[in-house]
Amino acid sequence: MFAITLIPMLAATGMVVDYTRAAKARQQLQDALDSTALFLSKNSSISTMTSAQMLAAAQSFFNVNFTNTDVSGTTISPSYSSSGPSVTVSGTTNSPCAFMSVLGLRTIPVSGTATAVWGHQRLRVALVLD
């Protein structure tokens, strides 16, 4: 009886391990995307950059912040919008599966998006005294 229940328990444990690794990779990816979006938003020449220049600047800053060596196929794509203005950085990567590969799932796709918006808006303050 124990042998029959052992296989599903080991499979469930393996899935939890692989999912935890993917969740960790997603959090690290999101942190790096957030930092990259903020970095690009503070760049004073962002509005005059070409797509290639923006990608080069974003990729170099992203590579410094995203240090997870377990993932593969990491790509990012930054974009600038003059309305707002805002910068959006999207990224994808693949987290390898150690245990779920037995079931045929080799990688878990992980993605994230970060947007930084800035500008001058009027601040309205109301003071109520009672």
Protein backbone atom coordinates (compact mmCIF):
# COMPACT_ATOMS: atom_id res chain seq x y z
CA MET A 1 0.00 0.00 0.00
CA PHE A 2 2.82 2.42 0.87
CA ALA A 3 4.51 1.78 -2.49
CA ILE A 4 1.34 2.72 -4.36
CA THR A 5 1.03 6.08 -2.60
CA LEU A 6 4.76 6.77 -2.77
CA ILE A 7 4.78 7.52 -6.51
CA PRO A 8 2.09 10.26 -6.44
CA MET A 9 3.63 11.77 -3.32
CA LEU A 10 7.06 11.97 -4.96
CA ALA A 11 5.52 13.43 -8.13
CA ALA A 12 3.66 16.08 -6.10
CA THR A 13 6.81 16.94 -4.17
CA GLY A 14 8.75 17.30 -7.42
CA MET A 15 6.09 19.59 -8.87
CA VAL A 16 6.26 21.79 -5.79
CA VAL A 17 10.05 22.06 -6.14
CA ASP A 18 9.84 22.98 -9.83
CA TYR A 19 7.04 25.47 -9.24
CA THR A 20 9.00 27.10 -6.40
CA ARG A 21 12.03 27.50 -8.67
CA ALA A 22 9.83 29.07 -11.37
CA ALA A 23 8.22 31.42 -8.84
CA LYS A 24 11.65 32.51 -7.63
CA ALA A 25 12.76 33.12 -11.23
CA ARG A 26 9.60 35.16 -11.86
CA GLN A 27 10.24 37.33 -8.80
CA GLN A 28 13.85 37.93 -9.81
CA LEU A 29 12.76 38.72 -13.37
CA GLN A 30 10.13 41.18 -12.12
CA ASP A 31 12.64 42.90 -9.81
CA ALA A 32 15.10 43.32 -12.68
CA LEU A 33 12.36 44.60 -15.02
CA ASP A 34 11.22 47.13 -12.41
CA SER A 35 14.78 48.39 -11.95
CA THR A 36 15.31 48.60 -15.70
CA ALA A 37 12.09 50.57 -16.25
CA LEU A 38 13.06 53.04 -13.52
CA PHE A 39 16.57 53.33 -14.97
CA LEU A 40 15.21 54.14 -18.42
CA SER A 41 12.70 56.62 -17.03
CA LYS A 42 15.51 58.59 -15.35
CA ASN A 43 17.52 58.75 -18.59
CA SER A 44 17.15 62.30 -19.90
CA SER A 45 17.66 61.29 -23.54
CA ILE A 46 15.02 58.53 -23.57
CA SER A 47 12.72 60.47 -25.91
CA THR A 48 15.43 60.79 -28.57
CA MET A 49 16.78 57.23 -28.37
CA THR A 50 16.28 54.80 -31.23
CA SER A 51 14.82 51.38 -30.49
CA ALA A 52 18.27 49.80 -30.81
CA GLN A 53 19.84 52.31 -28.41
CA MET A 54 17.03 51.81 -25.90
CA LEU A 55 17.36 48.02 -26.14
CA ALA A 56 21.14 48.22 -25.66
CA ALA A 57 20.82 50.46 -22.59
CA ALA A 58 18.02 48.34 -21.13
CA GLN A 59 19.81 45.05 -21.83
CA SER A 60 23.07 46.16 -20.19
CA PHE A 61 21.28 47.39 -17.06
CA PHE A 62 19.00 44.33 -16.96
CA ASN A 63 21.97 41.93 -17.20
CA VAL A 64 23.55 43.52 -14.13
CA ASN A 65 20.35 43.08 -12.10
CA PHE A 66 19.12 39.69 -13.32
CA THR A 67 21.67 37.20 -12.07
CA ASN A 68 19.66 33.95 -12.13
CA THR A 69 21.88 31.45 -13.98
CA ASP A 70 19.34 28.61 -13.83
CA VAL A 71 17.01 30.07 -16.47
CA SER A 72 17.45 30.10 -20.25
CA GLY A 73 16.22 32.12 -23.21
CA THR A 74 15.85 35.41 -21.37
CA THR A 75 14.68 38.28 -23.59
CA ILE A 76 13.50 41.80 -22.84
CA SER A 77 11.81 44.45 -24.96
CA PRO A 78 11.62 48.10 -23.86
CA SER A 79 9.26 50.68 -25.34
CA TYR A 80 8.77 54.40 -24.85
CA SER A 81 5.47 56.26 -25.08
CA SER A 82 5.39 60.04 -25.24
CA SER A 83 1.85 60.13 -23.86
CA GLY A 84 2.26 60.09 -20.14
CA PRO A 85 5.28 59.85 -20.76
CA SER A 86 6.06 56.24 -19.87
CA VAL A 87 8.51 53.41 -20.37
CA THR A 88 7.41 49.78 -20.47
CA VAL A 89 9.84 46.87 -20.26
CA SER A 90 8.61 43.33 -20.88
CA GLY A 91 10.64 40.19 -20.37
CA THR A 92 10.38 36.43 -20.74
CA THR A 93 12.52 33.50 -19.67
CA ASN A 94 12.25 29.74 -19.17
CA SER A 95 12.75 28.00 -15.85
CA PRO A 96 14.00 24.42 -16.25
CA CYS A 97 12.12 21.55 -14.62
CA ALA A 98 14.05 18.95 -12.69
CA PHE A 99 11.18 16.70 -11.66
CA MET A 100 8.34 17.52 -14.05
CA SER A 101 10.62 16.67 -16.99
CA VAL A 102 9.79 13.06 -16.19
CA LEU A 103 6.19 13.92 -17.11
CA GLY A 104 7.29 15.65 -20.33
CA LEU A 105 7.41 19.27 -19.16
CA ARG A 106 10.99 20.49 -19.72
CA THR A 107 10.59 24.19 -18.89
CA ILE A 108 8.09 26.55 -17.29
CA PRO A 109 7.71 29.85 -19.18
CA VAL A 110 8.01 32.92 -16.97
CA SER A 111 7.19 36.49 -17.99
CA GLY A 112 6.80 39.94 -16.50
CA THR A 113 6.14 43.57 -17.38
CA ALA A 114 7.13 46.82 -15.68
CA THR A 115 5.92 50.33 -16.50
CA ALA A 116 7.28 53.62 -15.21
CA VAL A 117 5.18 56.76 -15.73
CA TRP A 118 6.38 60.27 -14.93
CA GLY A 119 5.37 63.83 -15.55
CA HIS A 120 4.14 66.97 -13.91
CA GLN A 121 0.63 66.87 -12.58
CA ARG A 122 -1.09 69.29 -10.31
CA LEU A 123 -1.27 68.15 -6.75
CA ARG A 124 -4.47 69.05 -5.01
CA VAL A 125 -4.50 69.16 -1.26
CA ALA A 126 -7.53 69.74 0.93
CA LEU A 127 -7.25 70.60 4.58
CA VAL A 128 -10.30 70.06 6.74
CA LEU A 129 -10.36 71.33 10.28
CA ASP A 130 -13.05 70.21 12.61
